[in-house]
PDB file of N, CA and C in Angstrom:
ATOM      1  N   MET A   1     -43.341 -41.768  67.101  1.00  0.00           N
ATOM      2  CA  MET A   1     -42.128 -41.300  67.743  1.00  0.00           C
ATOM      3  C   MET A   1     -42.489 -40.587  69.046  1.00  0.00           C
ATOM      4  N   PRO A   2     -41.989 -41.098  70.175  1.00  0.00           N
ATOM      5  CA  PRO A   2     -42.316 -40.454  71.453  1.00  0.00           C
ATOM      6  C   PRO A   2     -41.657 -39.078  71.585  1.00  0.00           C
ATOM      7  N   THR A   3     -42.369 -38.164  72.222  1.00  0.00           N
ATOM      8  CA  THR A   3     -41.824 -36.823  72.409  1.00  0.00           C
ATOM      9  C   THR A   3     -41.065 -36.686  73.721  1.00  0.00           C
ATOM     10  N   LEU A   4     -41.361 -37.552  74.687  1.00  0.00           N
ATOM     11  CA  LEU A   4     -40.670 -37.491  75.971  1.00  0.00           C
ATOM     12  C   LEU A   4     -39.986 -38.810  76.227  1.00  0.00           C
ATOM     13  N   PRO A   5     -38.843 -38.862  76.744  1.00  0.00           N
ATOM     14  CA  PRO A   5     -37.935 -37.775  77.075  1.00  0.00           C
ATOM     15  C   PRO A   5     -37.359 -37.126  75.820  1.00  0.00           C
ATOM     16  N   LEU A   6     -36.964 -35.888  75.975  1.00  0.00           N
ATOM     17  CA  LEU A   6     -36.433 -35.138  74.841  1.00  0.00           C
ATOM     18  C   LEU A   6     -35.145 -35.743  74.316  1.00  0.00           C
ATOM     19  N   THR A   7     -34.302 -36.225  75.213  1.00  0.00           N
ATOM     20  CA  THR A   7     -33.062 -36.881  74.803  1.00  0.00           C
ATOM     21  C   THR A   7     -32.753 -38.004  75.771  1.00  0.00           C
ATOM     22  N   THR A   8     -32.141 -39.041  75.264  1.00  0.00           N
ATOM     23  CA  THR A   8     -31.669 -40.118  76.130  1.00  0.00           C
ATOM     24  C   THR A   8     -30.155 -40.237  76.063  1.00  0.00           C
ATOM     25  N   ASN A   9     -29.512 -39.247  75.476  1.00  0.00           N
ATOM     26  CA  ASN A   9     -28.056 -39.264  75.345  1.00  0.00           C
ATOM     27  C   ASN A   9     -27.340 -39.009  76.668  1.00  0.00           C
ATOM     28  N   TRP A  10     -28.016 -38.440  77.654  1.00  0.00           N
ATOM     29  CA  TRP A  10     -27.375 -38.132  78.930  1.00  0.00           C
ATOM     30  C   TRP A  10     -28.031 -38.889  80.067  1.00  0.00           C
ATOM     31  N   ARG A  11     -28.443 -40.136  79.801  1.00  0.00           N
ATOM     32  CA  ARG A  11     -29.009 -40.963  80.857  1.00  0.00           C
ATOM     33  C   ARG A  11     -27.926 -41.344  81.851  1.00  0.00           C
ATOM     34  N   SER A  12     -28.333 -41.770  83.028  1.00  0.00           N
ATOM     35  CA  SER A  12     -27.397 -42.123  84.104  1.00  0.00           C
ATOM     36  C   SER A  12     -26.808 -43.518  83.862  1.00  0.00           C
ATOM     37  N   THR A  13     -26.040 -43.652  82.822  1.00  0.00           N
ATOM     38  CA  THR A  13     -25.459 -44.948  82.499  1.00  0.00           C
ATOM     39  C   THR A  13     -24.093 -45.161  83.140  1.00  0.00           C
ATOM     40  N   THR A  14     -23.505 -44.112  83.696  1.00  0.00           N
ATOM     41  CA  THR A  14     -22.236 -44.233  84.412  1.00  0.00           C
ATOM     42  C   THR A  14     -22.394 -43.573  85.779  1.00  0.00           C
ATOM     43  N   TYR A  15     -21.489 -43.901  86.685  1.00  0.00           N
ATOM     44  CA  TYR A  15     -21.536 -43.277  88.009  1.00  0.00           C
ATOM     45  C   TYR A  15     -21.383 -41.768  87.903  1.00  0.00           C
ATOM     46  N   PHE A  16     -20.507 -41.313  87.036  1.00  0.00           N
ATOM     47  CA  PHE A  16     -20.279 -39.877  86.898  1.00  0.00           C
ATOM     48  C   PHE A  16     -21.554 -39.164  86.467  1.00  0.00           C
ATOM     49  N   ARG A  17     -22.215 -39.684  85.445  1.00  0.00           N
ATOM     50  CA  ARG A  17     -23.461 -39.048  84.980  1.00  0.00           C
ATOM     51  C   ARG A  17     -24.541 -39.093  86.053  1.00  0.00           C
ATOM     52  N   ALA A  18     -24.634 -40.203  86.764  1.00  0.00           N
ATOM     53  CA  ALA A  18     -25.631 -40.315  87.828  1.00  0.00           C
ATOM     54  C   ALA A  18     -25.365 -39.295  88.933  1.00  0.00           C
ATOM     55  N   PHE A  19     -24.112 -39.140  89.325  1.00  0.00           N
ATOM     56  CA  PHE A  19     -23.769 -38.167  90.358  1.00  0.00           C
ATOM     57  C   PHE A  19     -24.022 -36.740  89.883  1.00  0.00           C
ATOM     58  N   VAL A  20     -23.674 -36.440  88.651  1.00  0.00           N
ATOM     59  CA  VAL A  20     -23.883 -35.087  88.124  1.00  0.00           C
ATOM     60  C   VAL A  20     -25.379 -34.761  88.042  1.00  0.00           C
ATOM     61  N   LEU A  21     -26.164 -35.674  87.504  1.00  0.00           N
ATOM     62  CA  LEU A  21     -27.602 -35.414  87.391  1.00  0.00           C
ATOM     63  C   LEU A  21     -28.264 -35.304  88.760  1.00  0.00           C
ATOM     64  N   ASN A  22     -27.836 -36.142  89.706  1.00  0.00           N
ATOM     65  CA  ASN A  22     -28.396 -36.037  91.048  1.00  0.00           C
ATOM     66  C   ASN A  22     -27.955 -34.748  91.732  1.00  0.00           C
ATOM     67  N   ALA A  23     -26.742 -34.300  91.465  1.00  0.00           N
ATOM     68  CA  ALA A  23     -26.281 -33.025  92.020  1.00  0.00           C
ATOM     69  C   ALA A  23     -27.082 -31.861  91.446  1.00  0.00           C
ATOM     70  N   VAL A  24     -27.394 -31.936  90.160  1.00  0.00           N
ATOM     71  CA  VAL A  24     -28.227 -30.889  89.542  1.00  0.00           C
ATOM     72  C   VAL A  24     -29.601 -30.862  90.198  1.00  0.00           C
ATOM     73  N   ALA A  25     -30.201 -32.025  90.383  1.00  0.00           N
ATOM     74  CA  ALA A  25     -31.519 -32.096  91.011  1.00  0.00           C
ATOM     75  C   ALA A  25     -31.469 -31.567  92.436  1.00  0.00           C
ATOM     76  N   THR A  26     -30.484 -31.993  93.203  1.00  0.00           N
ATOM     77  CA  THR A  26     -30.359 -31.569  94.595  1.00  0.00           C
ATOM     78  C   THR A  26     -30.115 -30.064  94.701  1.00  0.00           C
ATOM     79  N   ALA A  27     -29.266 -29.533  93.837  1.00  0.00           N
ATOM     80  CA  ALA A  27     -28.978 -28.094  93.865  1.00  0.00           C
ATOM     81  C   ALA A  27     -30.222 -27.276  93.521  1.00  0.00           C
ATOM     82  N   ALA A  28     -30.994 -27.731  92.552  1.00  0.00           N
ATOM     83  CA  ALA A  28     -32.208 -27.000  92.179  1.00  0.00           C
ATOM     84  C   ALA A  28     -33.222 -27.012  93.318  1.00  0.00           C
ATOM     85  N   ILE A  29     -33.393 -28.148  93.967  1.00  0.00           N
ATOM     86  CA  ILE A  29     -34.337 -28.249  95.090  1.00  0.00           C
ATOM     87  C   ILE A  29     -33.867 -27.380  96.255  1.00  0.00           C
ATOM     88  N   ALA A  30     -32.584 -27.442  96.565  1.00  0.00           N
ATOM     89  CA  ALA A  30     -32.042 -26.632  97.665  1.00  0.00           C
ATOM     90  C   ALA A  30     -32.172 -25.147  97.366  1.00  0.00           C
ATOM     91  N   ALA A  31     -31.927 -24.753  96.121  1.00  0.00           N
ATOM     92  CA  ALA A  31     -32.043 -23.343  95.754  1.00  0.00           C
ATOM     93  C   ALA A  31     -33.477 -22.854  95.917  1.00  0.00           C
ATOM     94  N   LEU A  32     -34.452 -23.675  95.526  1.00  0.00           N
ATOM     95  CA  LEU A  32     -35.856 -23.295  95.717  1.00  0.00           C
ATOM     96  C   LEU A  32     -36.187 -23.115  97.197  1.00  0.00           C
ATOM     97  N   ALA A  33     -35.737 -24.063  98.021  1.00  0.00           N
ATOM     98  CA  ALA A  33     -36.034 -23.987  99.453  1.00  0.00           C
ATOM     99  C   ALA A  33     -35.344 -22.789 100.104  1.00  0.00           C
ATOM    100  N   ILE A  34     -34.093 -22.542  99.749  1.00  0.00           N
ATOM    101  CA  ILE A  34     -33.361 -21.413 100.329  1.00  0.00           C
ATOM    102  C   ILE A  34     -33.991 -20.100  99.913  1.00  0.00           C
ATOM    103  N   GLU A  35     -34.363 -19.989  98.660  1.00  0.00           N
ATOM    104  CA  GLU A  35     -34.994 -18.746  98.189  1.00  0.00           C
ATOM    105  C   GLU A  35     -36.329 -18.510  98.890  1.00  0.00           C
ATOM    106  N   MET A  36     -37.107 -19.572  99.100  1.00  0.00           N
ATOM    107  CA  MET A  36     -38.376 -19.413  99.815  1.00  0.00           C
ATOM    108  C   MET A  36     -38.115 -18.952 101.241  1.00  0.00           C
ATOM    109  N   ARG A  37     -37.127 -19.530 101.899  1.00  0.00           N
ATOM    110  CA  ARG A  37     -36.819 -19.120 103.266  1.00  0.00           C
ATOM    111  C   ARG A  37     -36.376 -17.662 103.320  1.00  0.00           C
ATOM    112  N   MET A  38     -35.577 -17.247 102.357  1.00  0.00           N
ATOM    113  CA  MET A  38     -35.144 -15.850 102.320  1.00  0.00           C
ATOM    114  C   MET A  38     -36.338 -14.919 102.124  1.00  0.00           C
ATOM    115  N   GLN A  39     -37.276 -15.309 101.279  1.00  0.00           N
ATOM    116  CA  GLN A  39     -38.473 -14.492 101.060  1.00  0.00           C
ATOM    117  C   GLN A  39     -39.324 -14.418 102.335  1.00  0.00           C
ATOM    118  N   LEU A  40     -39.387 -15.521 103.075  1.00  0.00           N
ATOM    119  CA  LEU A  40     -40.189 -15.541 104.299  1.00  0.00           C
ATOM    120  C   LEU A  40     -39.522 -14.800 105.450  1.00  0.00           C
ATOM    121  N   ASP A  41     -38.211 -14.616 105.392  1.00  0.00           N
ATOM    122  CA  ASP A  41     -37.520 -13.877 106.444  1.00  0.00           C
ATOM    123  C   ASP A  41     -37.661 -12.366 106.282  1.00  0.00           C
ATOM    124  N   MET A  42     -38.082 -11.907 105.110  1.00  0.00           N
ATOM    125  CA  MET A  42     -38.280 -10.472 104.872  1.00  0.00           C
ATOM    126  C   MET A  42     -39.774 -10.188 104.900  1.00  0.00           C
ATOM    127  N   ASP A  43     -40.221  -9.540 105.984  1.00  0.00           N
ATOM    128  CA  ASP A  43     -41.661  -9.373 106.170  1.00  0.00           C
ATOM    129  C   ASP A  43     -42.301  -8.336 105.246  1.00  0.00           C
ATOM    130  N   LYS A  44     -41.526  -7.642 104.447  1.00  0.00           N
ATOM    131  CA  LYS A  44     -42.083  -6.671 103.499  1.00  0.00           C
ATOM    132  C   LYS A  44     -42.294  -7.274 102.103  1.00  0.00           C
ATOM    133  N   GLU A  45     -41.863  -8.510 101.908  1.00  0.00           N
ATOM    134  CA  GLU A  45     -41.964  -9.156 100.603  1.00  0.00           C
ATOM    135  C   GLU A  45     -43.390  -9.631 100.332  1.00  0.00           C
ATOM    136  N   ALA A  46     -43.728  -9.730  99.063  1.00  0.00           N
ATOM    137  CA  ALA A  46     -45.062 -10.165  98.654  1.00  0.00           C
ATOM    138  C   ALA A  46     -45.334 -11.612  99.058  1.00  0.00           C
ATOM    139  N   VAL A  47     -44.309 -12.458  99.008  1.00  0.00           N
ATOM    140  CA  VAL A  47     -44.486 -13.870  99.372  1.00  0.00           C
ATOM    141  C   VAL A  47     -44.851 -13.984 100.851  1.00  0.00           C
ATOM    142  N   TYR A  48     -44.161 -13.226 101.691  1.00  0.00           N
ATOM    143  CA  TYR A  48     -44.458 -13.215 103.123  1.00  0.00           C
ATOM    144  C   TYR A  48     -45.889 -12.755 103.356  1.00  0.00           C
ATOM    145  N   GLY A  49     -46.267 -11.679 102.701  1.00  0.00           N
ATOM    146  CA  GLY A  49     -47.626 -11.157 102.846  1.00  0.00           C
ATOM    147  C   GLY A  49     -48.676 -12.145 102.375  1.00  0.00           C
ATOM    148  N   TYR A  50     -48.387 -12.847 101.295  1.00  0.00           N
ATOM    149  CA  TYR A  50     -49.339 -13.838 100.778  1.00  0.00           C
ATOM    150  C   TYR A  50     -49.584 -14.943 101.795  1.00  0.00           C
ATOM    151  N   PHE A  51     -48.497 -15.521 102.324  1.00  0.00           N
ATOM    152  CA  PHE A  51     -48.663 -16.620 103.270  1.00  0.00           C
ATOM    153  C   PHE A  51     -49.244 -16.142 104.596  1.00  0.00           C
ATOM    154  N   ALA A  52     -48.909 -14.945 105.027  1.00  0.00           N
ATOM    155  CA  ALA A  52     -49.509 -14.400 106.249  1.00  0.00           C
ATOM    156  C   ALA A  52     -51.009 -14.230 106.060  1.00  0.00           C
ATOM    157  N   LYS A  53     -51.411 -13.767 104.892  1.00  0.00           N
ATOM    158  CA  LYS A  53     -52.839 -13.585 104.604  1.00  0.00           C
ATOM    159  C   LYS A  53     -53.552 -14.927 104.517  1.00  0.00           C
ATOM    160  N   VAL A  54     -52.935 -15.898 103.855  1.00  0.00           N
ATOM    161  CA  VAL A  54     -53.541 -17.228 103.719  1.00  0.00           C
ATOM    162  C   VAL A  54     -53.700 -17.887 105.087  1.00  0.00           C
ATOM    163  N   LEU A  55     -52.696 -17.734 105.947  1.00  0.00           N
ATOM    164  CA  LEU A  55     -52.748 -18.343 107.273  1.00  0.00           C
ATOM    165  C   LEU A  55     -53.509 -17.493 108.285  1.00  0.00           C
ATOM    166  N   GLY A  56     -53.924 -16.305 107.889  1.00  0.00           N
ATOM    167  CA  GLY A  56     -54.687 -15.429 108.774  1.00  0.00           C
ATOM    168  C   GLY A  56     -53.884 -14.917 109.946  1.00  0.00           C
ATOM    169  N   ALA A  57     -52.626 -14.638 109.727  1.00  0.00           N
ATOM    170  CA  ALA A  57     -51.754 -14.165 110.805  1.00  0.00           C
ATOM    171  C   ALA A  57     -51.163 -12.817 110.426  1.00  0.00           C
ATOM    172  N   LYS A  58     -50.861 -12.028 111.464  1.00  0.00           N
ATOM    173  CA  LYS A  58     -50.205 -10.752 111.221  1.00  0.00           C
ATOM    174  C   LYS A  58     -48.732 -10.961 110.893  1.00  0.00           C
ATOM    175  N   SER A  59     -48.131 -11.956 111.563  1.00  0.00           N
ATOM    176  CA  SER A  59     -46.752 -12.327 111.282  1.00  0.00           C
ATOM    177  C   SER A  59     -46.646 -13.845 111.336  1.00  0.00           C
ATOM    178  N   LEU A  60     -45.665 -14.375 110.629  1.00  0.00           N
ATOM    179  CA  LEU A  60     -45.476 -15.819 110.571  1.00  0.00           C
ATOM    180  C   LEU A  60     -44.546 -16.284 111.688  1.00  0.00           C
ATOM    181  N   SER A  61     -44.928 -17.361 112.344  1.00  0.00           N
ATOM    182  CA  SER A  61     -44.066 -17.933 113.378  1.00  0.00           C
ATOM    183  C   SER A  61     -42.980 -18.780 112.710  1.00  0.00           C
ATOM    184  N   GLU A  62     -42.006 -19.171 113.507  1.00  0.00           N
ATOM    185  CA  GLU A  62     -40.908 -19.992 112.985  1.00  0.00           C
ATOM    186  C   GLU A  62     -41.421 -21.341 112.481  1.00  0.00           C
ATOM    187  N   SER A  63     -42.347 -21.945 113.215  1.00  0.00           N
ATOM    188  CA  SER A  63     -42.881 -23.245 112.783  1.00  0.00           C
ATOM    189  C   SER A  63     -43.688 -23.118 111.492  1.00  0.00           C
ATOM    190  N   GLN A  64     -44.389 -22.014 111.306  1.00  0.00           N
ATOM    191  CA  GLN A  64     -45.108 -21.795 110.051  1.00  0.00           C
ATOM    192  C   GLN A  64     -44.137 -21.644 108.886  1.00  0.00           C
ATOM    193  N   LYS A  65     -43.038 -20.927 109.108  1.00  0.00           N
ATOM    194  CA  LYS A  65     -42.032 -20.769 108.060  1.00  0.00           C
ATOM    195  C   LYS A  65     -41.408 -22.103 107.684  1.00  0.00           C
ATOM    196  N   VAL A  66     -41.086 -22.916 108.691  1.00  0.00           N
ATOM    197  CA  VAL A  66     -40.486 -24.229 108.435  1.00  0.00           C
ATOM    198  C   VAL A  66     -41.456 -25.103 107.640  1.00  0.00           C
ATOM    199  N   THR A  67     -42.718 -25.077 108.002  1.00  0.00           N
ATOM    200  CA  THR A  67     -43.715 -25.865 107.294  1.00  0.00           C
ATOM    201  C   THR A  67     -43.850 -25.421 105.842  1.00  0.00           C
ATOM    202  N   ILE A  68     -43.862 -24.109 105.610  1.00  0.00           N
ATOM    203  CA  ILE A  68     -43.962 -23.576 104.249  1.00  0.00           C
ATOM    204  C   ILE A  68     -42.734 -23.963 103.428  1.00  0.00           C
ATOM    205  N   VAL A  69     -41.548 -23.845 104.024  1.00  0.00           N
ATOM    206  CA  VAL A  69     -40.314 -24.194 103.316  1.00  0.00           C
ATOM    207  C   VAL A  69     -40.275 -25.695 103.026  1.00  0.00           C
ATOM    208  N   PHE A  70     -40.707 -26.527 103.961  1.00  0.00           N
ATOM    209  CA  PHE A  70     -40.748 -27.965 103.726  1.00  0.00           C
ATOM    210  C   PHE A  70     -41.687 -28.294 102.574  1.00  0.00           C
ATOM    211  N   ALA A  71     -42.873 -27.702 102.580  1.00  0.00           N
ATOM    212  CA  ALA A  71     -43.824 -27.950 101.497  1.00  0.00           C
ATOM    213  C   ALA A  71     -43.278 -27.462 100.158  1.00  0.00           C
ATOM    214  N   THR A  72     -42.606 -26.318 100.179  1.00  0.00           N
ATOM    215  CA  THR A  72     -41.997 -25.799  98.958  1.00  0.00           C
ATOM    216  C   THR A  72     -40.909 -26.738  98.445  1.00  0.00           C
ATOM    217  N   ALA A  73     -40.078 -27.240  99.333  1.00  0.00           N
ATOM    218  CA  ALA A  73     -39.008 -28.164  98.932  1.00  0.00           C
ATOM    219  C   ALA A  73     -39.591 -29.467  98.392  1.00  0.00           C
ATOM    220  N   PHE A  74     -40.649 -29.964  99.015  1.00  0.00           N
ATOM    221  CA  PHE A  74     -41.279 -31.196  98.561  1.00  0.00           C
ATOM    222  C   PHE A  74     -41.892 -31.024  97.169  1.00  0.00           C
ATOM    223  N   LEU A  75     -42.660 -29.974  96.999  1.00  0.00           N
ATOM    224  CA  LEU A  75     -43.275 -29.721  95.690  1.00  0.00           C
ATOM    225  C   LEU A  75     -42.214 -29.391  94.646  1.00  0.00           C
ATOM    226  N   GLY A  76     -41.173 -28.672  95.060  1.00  0.00           N
ATOM    227  CA  GLY A  76     -40.067 -28.382  94.153  1.00  0.00           C
ATOM    228  C   GLY A  76     -39.343 -29.647  93.724  1.00  0.00           C
ATOM    229  N   ALA A  77     -39.192 -30.598  94.649  1.00  0.00           N
ATOM    230  CA  ALA A  77     -38.548 -31.869  94.307  1.00  0.00           C
ATOM    231  C   ALA A  77     -39.380 -32.635  93.288  1.00  0.00           C
ATOM    232  N   LEU A  78     -40.689 -32.661  93.481  1.00  0.00           N
ATOM    233  CA  LEU A  78     -41.551 -33.314  92.493  1.00  0.00           C
ATOM    234  C   LEU A  78     -41.402 -32.663  91.123  1.00  0.00           C
ATOM    235  N   LEU A  79     -41.395 -31.353  91.102  1.00  0.00           N
ATOM    236  CA  LEU A  79     -41.255 -30.619  89.844  1.00  0.00           C
ATOM    237  C   LEU A  79     -39.893 -30.890  89.189  1.00  0.00           C
ATOM    238  N   VAL A  80     -38.824 -30.817  89.971  1.00  0.00           N
ATOM    239  CA  VAL A  80     -37.472 -31.010  89.426  1.00  0.00           C
ATOM    240  C   VAL A  80     -37.296 -32.429  88.904  1.00  0.00           C
ATOM    241  N   TYR A  81     -37.713 -33.427  89.681  1.00  0.00           N
ATOM    242  CA  TYR A  81     -37.528 -34.811  89.240  1.00  0.00           C
ATOM    243  C   TYR A  81     -38.398 -35.140  88.024  1.00  0.00           C
ATOM    244  N   HIS A  82     -39.610 -34.615  87.985  1.00  0.00           N
ATOM    245  CA  HIS A  82     -40.448 -34.829  86.798  1.00  0.00           C
ATOM    246  C   HIS A  82     -39.848 -34.145  85.568  1.00  0.00           C
ATOM    247  N   THR A  83     -39.315 -32.957  85.756  1.00  0.00           N
ATOM    248  CA  THR A  83     -38.689 -32.247  84.639  1.00  0.00           C
ATOM    249  C   THR A  83     -37.462 -32.998  84.140  1.00  0.00           C
ATOM    250  N   LEU A  84     -36.617 -33.458  85.060  1.00  0.00           N
ATOM    251  CA  LEU A  84     -35.435 -34.215  84.651  1.00  0.00           C
ATOM    252  C   LEU A  84     -35.820 -35.525  83.971  1.00  0.00           C
ATOM    253  N   TYR A  85     -36.904 -36.149  84.420  1.00  0.00           N
ATOM    254  CA  TYR A  85     -37.338 -37.369  83.757  1.00  0.00           C
ATOM    255  C   TYR A  85     -37.854 -37.059  82.349  1.00  0.00           C
ATOM    256  N   ALA A  86     -38.613 -35.975  82.225  1.00  0.00           N
ATOM    257  CA  ALA A  86     -39.173 -35.619  80.921  1.00  0.00           C
ATOM    258  C   ALA A  86     -38.098 -35.189  79.940  1.00  0.00           C
ATOM    259  N   VAL A  87     -37.060 -34.545  80.423  1.00  0.00           N
ATOM    260  CA  VAL A  87     -36.023 -34.029  79.526  1.00  0.00           C
ATOM    261  C   VAL A  87     -34.927 -35.061  79.281  1.00  0.00           C
ATOM    262  N   LEU A  88     -34.454 -35.728  80.341  1.00  0.00           N
ATOM    263  CA  LEU A  88     -33.278 -36.589  80.230  1.00  0.00           C
ATOM    264  C   LEU A  88     -33.519 -38.052  80.585  1.00  0.00           C
ATOM    265  N   ALA A  89     -34.750 -38.440  80.860  1.00  0.00           N
ATOM    266  CA  ALA A  89     -35.078 -39.803  81.294  1.00  0.00           C
ATOM    267  C   ALA A  89     -34.354 -40.150  82.593  1.00  0.00           C
ATOM    268  N   PHE A  90     -34.158 -39.170  83.464  1.00  0.00           N
ATOM    269  CA  PHE A  90     -33.467 -39.373  84.737  1.00  0.00           C
ATOM    270  C   PHE A  90     -34.412 -40.036  85.736  1.00  0.00           C
ATOM    271  N   GLY A  91     -33.935 -41.069  86.401  1.00  0.00           N
ATOM    272  CA  GLY A  91     -34.714 -41.708  87.453  1.00  0.00           C
ATOM    273  C   GLY A  91     -35.458 -42.950  87.018  1.00  0.00           C
ATOM    274  N   GLY A  92     -35.373 -43.316  85.774  1.00  0.00           N
ATOM    275  CA  GLY A  92     -36.081 -44.497  85.311  1.00  0.00           C
ATOM    276  C   GLY A  92     -35.601 -45.775  85.967  1.00  0.00           C
ATOM    277  N   ALA A  93     -34.354 -45.837  86.362  1.00  0.00           N
ATOM    278  CA  ALA A  93     -33.808 -47.044  86.992  1.00  0.00           C
ATOM    279  C   ALA A  93     -34.115 -47.113  88.477  1.00  0.00           C
ATOM    280  N   MET A  94     -34.850 -46.145  89.004  1.00  0.00           N
ATOM    281  CA  MET A  94     -35.201 -46.177  90.419  1.00  0.00           C
ATOM    282  C   MET A  94     -36.380 -47.111  90.679  1.00  0.00           C
ATOM    283  N   LEU A  95     -36.971 -47.652  89.631  1.00  0.00           N
ATOM    284  CA  LEU A  95     -38.107 -48.550  89.774  1.00  0.00           C
ATOM    285  C   LEU A  95     -37.616 -49.974  89.973  1.00  0.00           C
ATOM    286  N   VAL A  96     -38.343 -50.738  90.783  1.00  0.00           N
ATOM    287  CA  VAL A  96     -37.980 -52.130  90.998  1.00  0.00           C
ATOM    288  C   VAL A  96     -38.889 -53.011  90.161  1.00  0.00           C
ATOM    289  N   ASP A  97     -38.403 -54.179  89.828  1.00  0.00           N
ATOM    290  CA  ASP A  97     -39.182 -55.053  88.964  1.00  0.00           C
ATOM    291  C   ASP A  97     -39.684 -56.306  89.665  1.00  0.00           C
ATOM    292  N   GLY A  98     -39.473 -56.422  90.938  1.00  0.00           N
ATOM    293  CA  GLY A  98     -39.938 -57.602  91.642  1.00  0.00           C
ATOM    294  C   GLY A  98     -39.843 -57.424  93.139  1.00  0.00           C
ATOM    295  N   PRO A  99     -40.060 -58.518  93.875  1.00  0.00           N
ATOM    296  CA  PRO A  99     -40.007 -58.422  95.341  1.00  0.00           C
ATOM    297  C   PRO A  99     -38.593 -58.177  95.832  1.00  0.00           C
ATOM    298  N   PHE A 100     -38.507 -57.673  97.040  1.00  0.00           N
ATOM    299  CA  PHE A 100     -37.213 -57.369  97.654  1.00  0.00           C
ATOM    300  C   PHE A 100     -36.467 -58.658  97.969  1.00  0.00           C
ATOM    301  N   ARG A 101     -35.206 -58.698  97.589  1.00  0.00           N
ATOM    302  CA  ARG A 101     -34.324 -59.822  97.907  1.00  0.00           C
ATOM    303  C   ARG A 101     -33.127 -59.253  98.667  1.00  0.00           C
ATOM    304  N   PRO A 102     -33.001 -59.587  99.940  1.00  0.00           N
ATOM    305  CA  PRO A 102     -31.883 -59.033 100.704  1.00  0.00           C
ATOM    306  C   PRO A 102     -30.559 -59.536 100.166  1.00  0.00           C
ATOM    307  N   GLY A 103     -29.601 -58.658 100.187  1.00  0.00           N
ATOM    308  CA  GLY A 103     -28.261 -58.987  99.733  1.00  0.00           C
ATOM    309  C   GLY A 103     -27.245 -58.443 100.697  1.00  0.00           C
ATOM    310  N   LYS A 104     -25.999 -58.501 100.315  1.00  0.00           N
ATOM    311  CA  LYS A 104     -24.936 -57.967 101.163  1.00  0.00           C
ATOM    312  C   LYS A 104     -24.999 -56.456 101.152  1.00  0.00           C
ATOM    313  N   TYR A 105     -24.885 -55.865 102.327  1.00  0.00           N
ATOM    314  CA  TYR A 105     -24.913 -54.410 102.423  1.00  0.00           C
ATOM    315  C   TYR A 105     -23.604 -53.802 101.965  1.00  0.00           C
ATOM    316  N   TYR A 106     -22.502 -54.411 102.320  1.00  0.00           N
ATOM    317  CA  TYR A 106     -21.194 -53.894 101.928  1.00  0.00           C
ATOM    318  C   TYR A 106     -20.599 -54.728 100.840  1.00  0.00           C
TER     319      TYR A 106
END
């Protein structure tokens, strides 16, 4: 008996479920990125101090903050999508089974 995914009762079998699960994933990723940006905007926070120390800077520039937030959002997306796949089997239909065949766009 496989242990993952924990349940397949809430798979994206309808448009509504697919939209809800994708909204959950998007909201979680956005929340991680926004929280990281808020932490980086406050120079007295431990997160700001950590990244300033790692980058060897007294203060972080705007481009450094953007890069850190982008990396956080990317890694957060990997974490969120893997978690949703492990728990709800979300994203399994995103795989293709053969070569690309062009079709009608609309």
